[in-house]
PDB file of all heavy atoms in Angstrom:
ATOM      1  N   LEU A   1      10.310   3.060 -11.870  1.00  0.00           N
ATOM      2  CA  LEU A   1      10.725   4.343 -12.435  1.00  0.00           C
ATOM      3  C   LEU A   1      12.236   4.505 -12.269  1.00  0.00           C
ATOM      4  O   LEU A   1      12.848   3.884 -11.410  1.00  0.00           O
ATOM      5  CB  LEU A   1      10.008   5.491 -11.725  1.00  0.00           C
ATOM      6  CG  LEU A   1       8.475   5.446 -11.725  1.00  0.00           C
ATOM      7  CD1 LEU A   1       7.914   6.494 -10.789  1.00  0.00           C
ATOM      8  CD2 LEU A   1       7.949   5.659 -13.135  1.00  0.00           C
ATOM      9  N   PRO A   2      12.862   5.358 -13.095  1.00  0.00           N
ATOM     10  CA  PRO A   2      14.292   5.632 -12.913  1.00  0.00           C
ATOM     11  C   PRO A   2      14.554   6.298 -11.567  1.00  0.00           C
ATOM     12  O   PRO A   2      13.748   7.078 -11.071  1.00  0.00           O
ATOM     13  CB  PRO A   2      14.629   6.582 -14.075  1.00  0.00           C
ATOM     14  CG  PRO A   2      13.565   6.346 -15.089  1.00  0.00           C
ATOM     15  CD  PRO A   2      12.332   6.023 -14.306  1.00  0.00           C
ATOM     16  N   ALA A   3      15.700   5.967 -10.970  1.00  0.00           N
ATOM     17  CA  ALA A   3      16.079   6.584  -9.701  1.00  0.00           C
ATOM     18  C   ALA A   3      16.671   7.969  -9.930  1.00  0.00           C
ATOM     19  O   ALA A   3      16.948   8.366 -11.067  1.00  0.00           O
ATOM     20  CB  ALA A   3      17.106   5.694  -8.990  1.00  0.00           C
ATOM     21  N   LYS A   4      16.848   8.695  -8.841  1.00  0.00           N
ATOM     22  CA  LYS A   4      17.467  10.019  -8.947  1.00  0.00           C
ATOM     23  C   LYS A   4      18.893   9.908  -9.469  1.00  0.00           C
ATOM     24  O   LYS A   4      19.362  10.749 -10.221  1.00  0.00           O
ATOM     25  CB  LYS A   4      17.461  10.710  -7.582  1.00  0.00           C
ATOM     26  CG  LYS A   4      16.070  11.017  -7.037  1.00  0.00           C
ATOM     27  CD  LYS A   4      16.159  11.661  -5.663  1.00  0.00           C
ATOM     28  CE  LYS A   4      14.770  11.972  -5.111  1.00  0.00           C
ATOM     29  NZ  LYS A   4      14.840  12.561  -3.747  1.00  0.00           N
ATOM     30  N   ASP A   5      19.586   8.877  -9.022  1.00  0.00           N
ATOM     31  CA  ASP A   5      20.954   8.633  -9.471  1.00  0.00           C
ATOM     32  C   ASP A   5      21.266   7.164  -9.236  1.00  0.00           C
ATOM     33  O   ASP A   5      20.434   6.405  -8.752  1.00  0.00           O
ATOM     34  CB  ASP A   5      21.955   9.530  -8.730  1.00  0.00           C
ATOM     35  CG  ASP A   5      21.833   9.402  -7.218  1.00  0.00           C
ATOM     36  OD1 ASP A   5      21.874   8.257  -6.716  1.00  0.00           O
ATOM     37  OD2 ASP A   5      21.678  10.437  -6.541  1.00  0.00           O
ATOM     38  N   GLY A   6      22.487   6.758  -9.581  1.00  0.00           N
ATOM     39  CA  GLY A   6      22.861   5.371  -9.470  1.00  0.00           C
ATOM     40  C   GLY A   6      22.999   4.861  -8.058  1.00  0.00           C
ATOM     41  O   GLY A   6      23.134   3.649  -7.848  1.00  0.00           O
ATOM     42  N   GLN A   7      22.975   5.758  -7.069  1.00  0.00           N
ATOM     43  CA  GLN A   7      23.129   5.343  -5.679  1.00  0.00           C
ATOM     44  C   GLN A   7      21.801   5.044  -4.997  1.00  0.00           C
ATOM     45  O   GLN A   7      21.774   4.448  -3.923  1.00  0.00           O
ATOM     46  CB  GLN A   7      23.862   6.444  -4.886  1.00  0.00           C
ATOM     47  CG  GLN A   7      25.213   6.841  -5.466  1.00  0.00           C
ATOM     48  CD  GLN A   7      26.158   5.667  -5.562  1.00  0.00           C
ATOM     49  OE1 GLN A   7      26.255   4.863  -4.632  1.00  0.00           O
ATOM     50  NE2 GLN A   7      26.856   5.550  -6.684  1.00  0.00           N
ATOM     51  N   HIS A   8      20.692   5.466  -5.607  1.00  0.00           N
ATOM     52  CA  HIS A   8      19.380   5.289  -4.994  1.00  0.00           C
ATOM     53  C   HIS A   8      18.653   4.083  -5.593  1.00  0.00           C
ATOM     54  O   HIS A   8      18.832   3.750  -6.772  1.00  0.00           O
ATOM     55  CB  HIS A   8      18.512   6.539  -5.178  1.00  0.00           C
ATOM     56  CG  HIS A   8      18.891   7.674  -4.286  1.00  0.00           C
ATOM     57  ND1 HIS A   8      20.059   8.384  -4.450  1.00  0.00           N
ATOM     58  CD2 HIS A   8      18.261   8.228  -3.215  1.00  0.00           C
ATOM     59  CE1 HIS A   8      20.137   9.325  -3.523  1.00  0.00           C
ATOM     60  NE2 HIS A   8      19.066   9.249  -2.762  1.00  0.00           N
ATOM     61  N   VAL A   9      17.843   3.439  -4.781  1.00  0.00           N
ATOM     62  CA  VAL A   9      17.003   2.344  -5.242  1.00  0.00           C
ATOM     63  C   VAL A   9      15.950   2.902  -6.203  1.00  0.00           C
ATOM     64  O   VAL A   9      15.300   3.910  -5.897  1.00  0.00           O
ATOM     65  CB  VAL A   9      16.307   1.652  -4.050  1.00  0.00           C
ATOM     66  CG1 VAL A   9      15.289   0.627  -4.524  1.00  0.00           C
ATOM     67  CG2 VAL A   9      17.337   1.000  -3.150  1.00  0.00           C
ATOM     68  N   PRO A  10      15.756   2.289  -7.375  1.00  0.00           N
ATOM     69  CA  PRO A  10      14.716   2.773  -8.297  1.00  0.00           C
ATOM     70  C   PRO A  10      13.335   2.721  -7.638  1.00  0.00           C
ATOM     71  O   PRO A  10      12.999   1.718  -6.992  1.00  0.00           O
ATOM     72  CB  PRO A  10      14.805   1.790  -9.469  1.00  0.00           C
ATOM     73  CG  PRO A  10      16.176   1.218  -9.400  1.00  0.00           C
ATOM     74  CD  PRO A  10      16.519   1.166  -7.945  1.00  0.00           C
ATOM     75  N   PRO A  11      12.548   3.777  -7.762  1.00  0.00           N
ATOM     76  CA  PRO A  11      11.199   3.758  -7.190  1.00  0.00           C
ATOM     77  C   PRO A  11      10.340   2.679  -7.849  1.00  0.00           C
ATOM     78  O   PRO A  11      10.266   2.593  -9.074  1.00  0.00           O
ATOM     79  CB  PRO A  11      10.651   5.161  -7.502  1.00  0.00           C
ATOM     80  CG  PRO A  11      11.855   5.996  -7.762  1.00  0.00           C
ATOM     81  CD  PRO A  11      12.860   5.079  -8.375  1.00  0.00           C
ATOM     82  N   MET A  12       9.714   1.839  -7.032  1.00  0.00           N
ATOM     83  CA  MET A  12       8.831   0.784  -7.528  1.00  0.00           C
ATOM     84  C   MET A  12       7.558   0.780  -6.706  1.00  0.00           C
ATOM     85  O   MET A  12       7.581   1.154  -5.539  1.00  0.00           O
ATOM     86  CB  MET A  12       9.519  -0.578  -7.443  1.00  0.00           C
ATOM     87  CG  MET A  12      10.677  -0.748  -8.406  1.00  0.00           C
ATOM     88  SD  MET A  12      11.550  -2.331  -8.204  1.00  0.00           S
ATOM     89  CE  MET A  12      12.565  -1.960  -6.777  1.00  0.00           C
ATOM     90  N   MET A  13       6.469   0.350  -7.333  1.00  0.00           N
ATOM     91  CA  MET A  13       5.216   0.263  -6.585  1.00  0.00           C
ATOM     92  C   MET A  13       4.322  -0.831  -7.142  1.00  0.00           C
ATOM     93  O   MET A  13       4.409  -1.191  -8.320  1.00  0.00           O
ATOM     94  CB  MET A  13       4.490   1.606  -6.590  1.00  0.00           C
ATOM     95  CG  MET A  13       3.809   1.962  -7.879  1.00  0.00           C
ATOM     96  SD  MET A  13       3.011   3.585  -7.800  1.00  0.00           S
ATOM     97  CE  MET A  13       4.381   4.640  -8.272  1.00  0.00           C
ATOM     98  N   PHE A  14       3.486  -1.356  -6.260  1.00  0.00           N
ATOM     99  CA  PHE A  14       2.431  -2.296  -6.621  1.00  0.00           C
ATOM    100  C   PHE A  14       1.108  -1.626  -6.278  1.00  0.00           C
ATOM    101  O   PHE A  14       0.944  -1.083  -5.179  1.00  0.00           O
ATOM    102  CB  PHE A  14       2.578  -3.599  -5.839  1.00  0.00           C
ATOM    103  CG  PHE A  14       1.379  -4.509  -5.940  1.00  0.00           C
ATOM    104  CD1 PHE A  14       1.170  -5.272  -7.074  1.00  0.00           C
ATOM    105  CD2 PHE A  14       0.461  -4.585  -4.904  1.00  0.00           C
ATOM    106  CE1 PHE A  14       0.065  -6.117  -7.173  1.00  0.00           C
ATOM    107  CE2 PHE A  14      -0.641  -5.422  -4.986  1.00  0.00           C
ATOM    108  CZ  PHE A  14      -0.832  -6.184  -6.128  1.00  0.00           C
ATOM    109  N   ALA A  15       0.177  -1.639  -7.211  1.00  0.00           N
ATOM    110  CA  ALA A  15      -1.127  -0.996  -7.003  1.00  0.00           C
ATOM    111  C   ALA A  15      -2.234  -1.983  -7.321  1.00  0.00           C
ATOM    112  O   ALA A  15      -2.174  -2.687  -8.333  1.00  0.00           O
ATOM    113  CB  ALA A  15      -1.256   0.241  -7.896  1.00  0.00           C
ATOM    114  N   ILE A  16      -3.229  -2.057  -6.461  1.00  0.00           N
ATOM    115  CA  ILE A  16      -4.395  -2.897  -6.719  1.00  0.00           C
ATOM    116  C   ILE A  16      -5.650  -2.135  -6.319  1.00  0.00           C
ATOM    117  O   ILE A  16      -5.688  -1.483  -5.268  1.00  0.00           O
ATOM    118  CB  ILE A  16      -4.297  -4.243  -5.966  1.00  0.00           C
ATOM    119  CG1 ILE A  16      -5.472  -5.149  -6.350  1.00  0.00           C
ATOM    120  CG2 ILE A  16      -4.220  -4.048  -4.456  1.00  0.00           C
ATOM    121  CD1 ILE A  16      -5.291  -6.594  -5.931  1.00  0.00           C
ATOM    122  N   ALA A  17      -6.649  -2.187  -7.190  1.00  0.00           N
ATOM    123  CA  ALA A  17      -7.901  -1.470  -6.929  1.00  0.00           C
ATOM    124  C   ALA A  17      -8.636  -2.103  -5.753  1.00  0.00           C
ATOM    125  O   ALA A  17      -8.728  -3.330  -5.657  1.00  0.00           O
ATOM    126  CB  ALA A  17      -8.789  -1.489  -8.170  1.00  0.00           C
ATOM    127  N   VAL A  18      -9.117  -1.282  -4.858  1.00  0.00           N
ATOM    128  CA  VAL A  18      -9.908  -1.762  -3.722  1.00  0.00           C
ATOM    129  C   VAL A  18     -11.114  -0.844  -3.536  1.00  0.00           C
ATOM    130  O   VAL A  18     -11.028   0.359  -3.760  1.00  0.00           O
ATOM    131  CB  VAL A  18      -9.081  -1.812  -2.411  1.00  0.00           C
ATOM    132  CG1 VAL A  18      -8.025  -2.895  -2.481  1.00  0.00           C
ATOM    133  CG2 VAL A  18      -8.438  -0.467  -2.108  1.00  0.00           C
ATOM    134  N   LYS A  19     -12.225  -1.433  -3.127  1.00  0.00           N
ATOM    135  CA  LYS A  19     -13.443  -0.673  -2.876  1.00  0.00           C
ATOM    136  C   LYS A  19     -13.823  -0.799  -1.408  1.00  0.00           C
ATOM    137  O   LYS A  19     -13.491  -1.805  -0.755  1.00  0.00           O
ATOM    138  CB  LYS A  19     -14.581  -1.169  -3.776  1.00  0.00           C
ATOM    139  CG  LYS A  19     -14.327  -0.992  -5.266  1.00  0.00           C
ATOM    140  CD  LYS A  19     -15.530  -1.393  -6.100  1.00  0.00           C
ATOM    141  CE  LYS A  19     -15.726  -2.902  -6.136  1.00  0.00           C
ATOM    142  NZ  LYS A  19     -14.681  -3.601  -6.908  1.00  0.00           N
ATOM    143  N   PRO A  20     -14.550   0.168  -0.866  1.00  0.00           N
ATOM    144  CA  PRO A  20     -14.958   0.087   0.542  1.00  0.00           C
ATOM    145  C   PRO A  20     -15.905  -1.069   0.819  1.00  0.00           C
ATOM    146  O   PRO A  20     -15.901  -1.635   1.910  1.00  0.00           O
ATOM    147  CB  PRO A  20     -15.644   1.431   0.798  1.00  0.00           C
ATOM    148  CG  PRO A  20     -15.185   2.325  -0.298  1.00  0.00           C
ATOM    149  CD  PRO A  20     -14.931   1.450  -1.480  1.00  0.00           C
ATOM    150  N   GLY A  21     -16.727  -1.418  -0.185  1.00  0.00           N
ATOM    151  CA  GLY A  21     -17.743  -2.443   0.044  1.00  0.00           C
ATOM    152  C   GLY A  21     -18.942  -1.870   0.771  1.00  0.00           C
ATOM    153  O   GLY A  21     -19.017  -0.665   1.051  1.00  0.00           O
ATOM    154  N   LYS A  22     -19.885  -2.734   1.124  1.00  0.00           N
ATOM    155  CA  LYS A  22     -21.126  -2.280   1.750  1.00  0.00           C
ATOM    156  C   LYS A  22     -21.271  -2.754   3.195  1.00  0.00           C
ATOM    157  O   LYS A  22     -22.303  -2.512   3.825  1.00  0.00           O
ATOM    158  CB  LYS A  22     -22.320  -2.779   0.936  1.00  0.00           C
ATOM    159  CG  LYS A  22     -22.342  -2.232  -0.490  1.00  0.00           C
ATOM    160  CD  LYS A  22     -23.539  -2.760  -1.267  1.00  0.00           C
ATOM    161  CE  LYS A  22     -23.552  -2.210  -2.691  1.00  0.00           C
ATOM    162  NZ  LYS A  22     -24.719  -2.739  -3.476  1.00  0.00           N
ATOM    163  N   GLY A  23     -20.250  -3.431   3.716  1.00  0.00           N
ATOM    164  CA  GLY A  23     -20.328  -3.918   5.083  1.00  0.00           C
ATOM    165  C   GLY A  23     -20.000  -2.845   6.102  1.00  0.00           C
ATOM    166  O   GLY A  23     -19.686  -1.696   5.762  1.00  0.00           O
ATOM    167  N   LYS A  24     -20.043  -3.226   7.363  1.00  0.00           N
ATOM    168  CA  LYS A  24     -19.740  -2.272   8.433  1.00  0.00           C
ATOM    169  C   LYS A  24     -18.269  -1.855   8.415  1.00  0.00           C
ATOM    170  O   LYS A  24     -17.932  -0.727   8.751  1.00  0.00           O
ATOM    171  CB  LYS A  24     -20.096  -2.891   9.792  1.00  0.00           C
ATOM    172  CG  LYS A  24     -21.589  -3.133   9.987  1.00  0.00           C
ATOM    173  CD  LYS A  24     -21.864  -3.715  11.369  1.00  0.00           C
ATOM    174  CE  LYS A  24     -23.355  -3.933  11.583  1.00  0.00           C
ATOM    175  NZ  LYS A  24     -23.632  -4.517  12.923  1.00  0.00           N
ATOM    176  N   THR A  25     -17.397  -2.793   8.041  1.00  0.00           N
ATOM    177  CA  THR A  25     -15.960  -2.506   7.995  1.00  0.00           C
ATOM    178  C   THR A  25     -15.551  -2.221   6.558  1.00  0.00           C
ATOM    179  O   THR A  25     -15.644  -3.107   5.699  1.00  0.00           O
ATOM    180  CB  THR A  25     -15.144  -3.702   8.523  1.00  0.00           C
ATOM    181  OG1 THR A  25     -15.558  -4.016   9.851  1.00  0.00           O
ATOM    182  CG2 THR A  25     -13.659  -3.393   8.510  1.00  0.00           C
ATOM    183  N   PRO A  26     -15.115  -1.003   6.226  1.00  0.00           N
ATOM    184  CA  PRO A  26     -14.673  -0.699   4.864  1.00  0.00           C
ATOM    185  C   PRO A  26     -13.481  -1.576   4.473  1.00  0.00           C
ATOM    186  O   PRO A  26     -12.492  -1.646   5.206  1.00  0.00           O
ATOM    187  CB  PRO A  26     -14.281   0.781   4.932  1.00  0.00           C
ATOM    188  CG  PRO A  26     -14.997   1.319   6.132  1.00  0.00           C
ATOM    189  CD  PRO A  26     -15.057   0.185   7.101  1.00  0.00           C
ATOM    190  N   VAL A  27     -13.592  -2.261   3.352  1.00  0.00           N
ATOM    191  CA  VAL A  27     -12.549  -3.198   2.929  1.00  0.00           C
ATOM    192  C   VAL A  27     -11.234  -2.470   2.670  1.00  0.00           C
ATOM    193  O   VAL A  27     -10.163  -2.934   3.080  1.00  0.00           O
ATOM    194  CB  VAL A  27     -13.003  -3.963   1.672  1.00  0.00           C
ATOM    195  CG1 VAL A  27     -11.869  -4.844   1.146  1.00  0.00           C
ATOM    196  CG2 VAL A  27     -14.227  -4.811   1.983  1.00  0.00           C
ATOM    197  N   ASP A  28     -11.286  -1.317   1.989  1.00  0.00           N
ATOM    198  CA  ASP A  28     -10.039  -0.608   1.671  1.00  0.00           C
ATOM    199  C   ASP A  28      -9.315  -0.161   2.944  1.00  0.00           C
ATOM    200  O   ASP A  28      -8.085  -0.306   3.056  1.00  0.00           O
ATOM    201  CB  ASP A  28     -10.305   0.574   0.739  1.00  0.00           C
ATOM    202  CG  ASP A  28     -11.393   1.513   1.264  1.00  0.00           C
ATOM    203  OD1 ASP A  28     -12.025   1.209   2.296  1.00  0.00           O
ATOM    204  OD2 ASP A  28     -11.612   2.571   0.640  1.00  0.00           O
ATOM    205  N   GLN A  29     -10.068   0.335   3.916  1.00  0.00           N
ATOM    206  CA  GLN A  29      -9.442   0.780   5.163  1.00  0.00           C
ATOM    207  C   GLN A  29      -8.883  -0.399   5.953  1.00  0.00           C
ATOM    208  O   GLN A  29      -7.821  -0.301   6.587  1.00  0.00           O
ATOM    209  CB  GLN A  29     -10.461   1.544   6.015  1.00  0.00           C
ATOM    210  CG  GLN A  29     -10.886   2.883   5.432  1.00  0.00           C
ATOM    211  CD  GLN A  29      -9.748   3.900   5.415  1.00  0.00           C
ATOM    212  OE1 GLN A  29      -8.799   3.796   6.206  1.00  0.00           O
ATOM    213  NE2 GLN A  29      -9.838   4.878   4.534  1.00  0.00           N
ATOM    214  N   ALA A  30      -9.577  -1.545   5.914  1.00  0.00           N
ATOM    215  CA  ALA A  30      -9.110  -2.726   6.629  1.00  0.00           C
ATOM    216  C   ALA A  30      -7.785  -3.216   6.063  1.00  0.00           C
ATOM    217  O   ALA A  30      -6.871  -3.590   6.805  1.00  0.00           O
ATOM    218  CB  ALA A  30     -10.158  -3.830   6.553  1.00  0.00           C
ATOM    219  N   LEU A  31      -7.645  -3.195   4.736  1.00  0.00           N
ATOM    220  CA  LEU A  31      -6.394  -3.631   4.107  1.00  0.00           C
ATOM    221  C   LEU A  31      -5.257  -2.664   4.413  1.00  0.00           C
ATOM    222  O   LEU A  31      -4.115  -3.075   4.658  1.00  0.00           O
ATOM    223  CB  LEU A  31      -6.594  -3.768   2.597  1.00  0.00           C
ATOM    224  CG  LEU A  31      -7.489  -4.922   2.143  1.00  0.00           C
ATOM    225  CD1 LEU A  31      -7.741  -4.850   0.652  1.00  0.00           C
ATOM    226  CD2 LEU A  31      -6.858  -6.259   2.508  1.00  0.00           C
ATOM    227  N   PHE A  32      -5.570  -1.376   4.416  1.00  0.00           N
ATOM    228  CA  PHE A  32      -4.546  -0.377   4.735  1.00  0.00           C
ATOM    229  C   PHE A  32      -4.084  -0.520   6.185  1.00  0.00           C
ATOM    230  O   PHE A  32      -2.886  -0.452   6.480  1.00  0.00           O
ATOM    231  CB  PHE A  32      -5.093   1.027   4.474  1.00  0.00           C
ATOM    232  CG  PHE A  32      -4.109   2.128   4.762  1.00  0.00           C
ATOM    233  CD1 PHE A  32      -2.872   2.166   4.145  1.00  0.00           C
ATOM    234  CD2 PHE A  32      -4.425   3.135   5.664  1.00  0.00           C
ATOM    235  CE1 PHE A  32      -1.960   3.178   4.413  1.00  0.00           C
ATOM    236  CE2 PHE A  32      -3.530   4.159   5.946  1.00  0.00           C
ATOM    237  CZ  PHE A  32      -2.292   4.173   5.308  1.00  0.00           C
ATOM    238  N   LYS A  33      -5.034  -0.761   7.072  1.00  0.00           N
ATOM    239  CA  LYS A  33      -4.683  -0.956   8.482  1.00  0.00           C
ATOM    240  C   LYS A  33      -3.866  -2.227   8.673  1.00  0.00           C
ATOM    241  O   LYS A  33      -2.973  -2.288   9.529  1.00  0.00           O
ATOM    242  CB  LYS A  33      -5.947  -0.995   9.337  1.00  0.00           C
ATOM    243  CG  LYS A  33      -6.643   0.358   9.471  1.00  0.00           C
ATOM    244  CD  LYS A  33      -7.900   0.251  10.314  1.00  0.00           C
ATOM    245  CE  LYS A  33      -8.582   1.614  10.434  1.00  0.00           C
ATOM    246  NZ  LYS A  33      -9.845   1.531  11.224  1.00  0.00           N
ATOM    247  N   ALA A  34      -4.152  -3.260   7.860  1.00  0.00           N
ATOM    248  CA  ALA A  34      -3.370  -4.492   7.946  1.00  0.00           C
ATOM    249  C   ALA A  34      -1.926  -4.235   7.537  1.00  0.00           C
ATOM    250  O   ALA A  34      -0.988  -4.705   8.187  1.00  0.00           O
ATOM    251  CB  ALA A  34      -3.990  -5.567   7.051  1.00  0.00           C
ATOM    252  N   ALA A  35      -1.737  -3.467   6.437  1.00  0.00           N
ATOM    253  CA  ALA A  35      -0.381  -3.111   6.015  1.00  0.00           C
ATOM    254  C   ALA A  35       0.318  -2.297   7.094  1.00  0.00           C
ATOM    255  O   ALA A  35       1.510  -2.487   7.370  1.00  0.00           O
ATOM    256  CB  ALA A  35      -0.444  -2.329   4.699  1.00  0.00           C
ATOM    257  N   ASP A  36      -0.424  -1.393   7.727  1.00  0.00           N
ATOM    258  CA  ASP A  36       0.126  -0.575   8.806  1.00  0.00           C
ATOM    259  C   ASP A  36       0.540  -1.445   9.988  1.00  0.00           C
ATOM    260  O   ASP A  36       1.589  -1.235  10.608  1.00  0.00           O
ATOM    261  CB  ASP A  36      -0.921   0.464   9.223  1.00  0.00           C
ATOM    262  CG  ASP A  36      -0.403   1.424  10.289  1.00  0.00           C
ATOM    263  OD1 ASP A  36       0.830   1.627  10.358  1.00  0.00           O
ATOM    264  OD2 ASP A  36      -1.216   1.962  11.047  1.00  0.00           O
ATOM    265  N   SER A  37      -0.276  -2.471  10.285  1.00  0.00           N
ATOM    266  CA  SER A  37       0.033  -3.361  11.408  1.00  0.00           C
ATOM    267  C   SER A  37       1.291  -4.172  11.151  1.00  0.00           C
ATOM    268  O   SER A  37       2.145  -4.329  12.035  1.00  0.00           O
ATOM    269  CB  SER A  37      -1.149  -4.308  11.663  1.00  0.00           C
ATOM    270  OG  SER A  37      -2.303  -3.582  12.048  1.00  0.00           O
ATOM    271  N   PHE A  38       1.431  -4.696   9.941  1.00  0.00           N
ATOM    272  CA  PHE A  38       2.634  -5.455   9.596  1.00  0.00           C
ATOM    273  C   PHE A  38       3.871  -4.573   9.681  1.00  0.00           C
ATOM    274  O   PHE A  38       4.933  -4.998  10.148  1.00  0.00           O
ATOM    275  CB  PHE A  38       2.498  -6.061   8.203  1.00  0.00           C
ATOM    276  CG  PHE A  38       1.663  -7.302   8.155  1.00  0.00           C
ATOM    277  CD1 PHE A  38       0.522  -7.360   7.382  1.00  0.00           C
ATOM    278  CD2 PHE A  38       2.023  -8.422   8.895  1.00  0.00           C
ATOM    279  CE1 PHE A  38      -0.261  -8.505   7.341  1.00  0.00           C
ATOM    280  CE2 PHE A  38       1.245  -9.577   8.865  1.00  0.00           C
ATOM    281  CZ  PHE A  38       0.103  -9.616   8.087  1.00  0.00           C
ATOM    282  N   ALA A  39       3.738  -3.332   9.202  1.00  0.00           N
ATOM    283  CA  ALA A  39       4.863  -2.392   9.278  1.00  0.00           C
ATOM    284  C   ALA A  39       5.212  -2.091  10.731  1.00  0.00           C
ATOM    285  O   ALA A  39       6.393  -2.000  11.099  1.00  0.00           O
ATOM    286  CB  ALA A  39       4.517  -1.110   8.532  1.00  0.00           C
ATOM    287  N   GLY A  40       4.183  -1.937  11.565  1.00  0.00           N
ATOM    288  CA  GLY A  40       4.423  -1.678  12.981  1.00  0.00           C
ATOM    289  C   GLY A  40       5.138  -2.832  13.658  1.00  0.00           C
ATOM    290  O   GLY A  40       6.030  -2.621  14.495  1.00  0.00           O
ATOM    291  N   LEU A  41       4.771  -4.066  13.295  1.00  0.00           N
ATOM    292  CA  LEU A  41       5.452  -5.231  13.864  1.00  0.00           C
ATOM    293  C   LEU A  41       6.920  -5.280  13.440  1.00  0.00           C
ATOM    294  O   LEU A  41       7.800  -5.615  14.231  1.00  0.00           O
ATOM    295  CB  LEU A  41       4.738  -6.518  13.425  1.00  0.00           C
ATOM    296  CG  LEU A  41       3.394  -6.809  14.085  1.00  0.00           C
ATOM    297  CD1 LEU A  41       2.738  -8.022  13.440  1.00  0.00           C
ATOM    298  CD2 LEU A  41       3.574  -7.048  15.584  1.00  0.00           C
TER     299      LEU A  41
END
């Protein structure tokens, strides 16, 4: 998307559909927690 002005990084995003699945561990939450863990590191 266009940025607010020429000094700001243009907003960008990557989106991928994820489902919880039927297992004990919800797949969508597991992927989000993985992203959170990498960010924490």
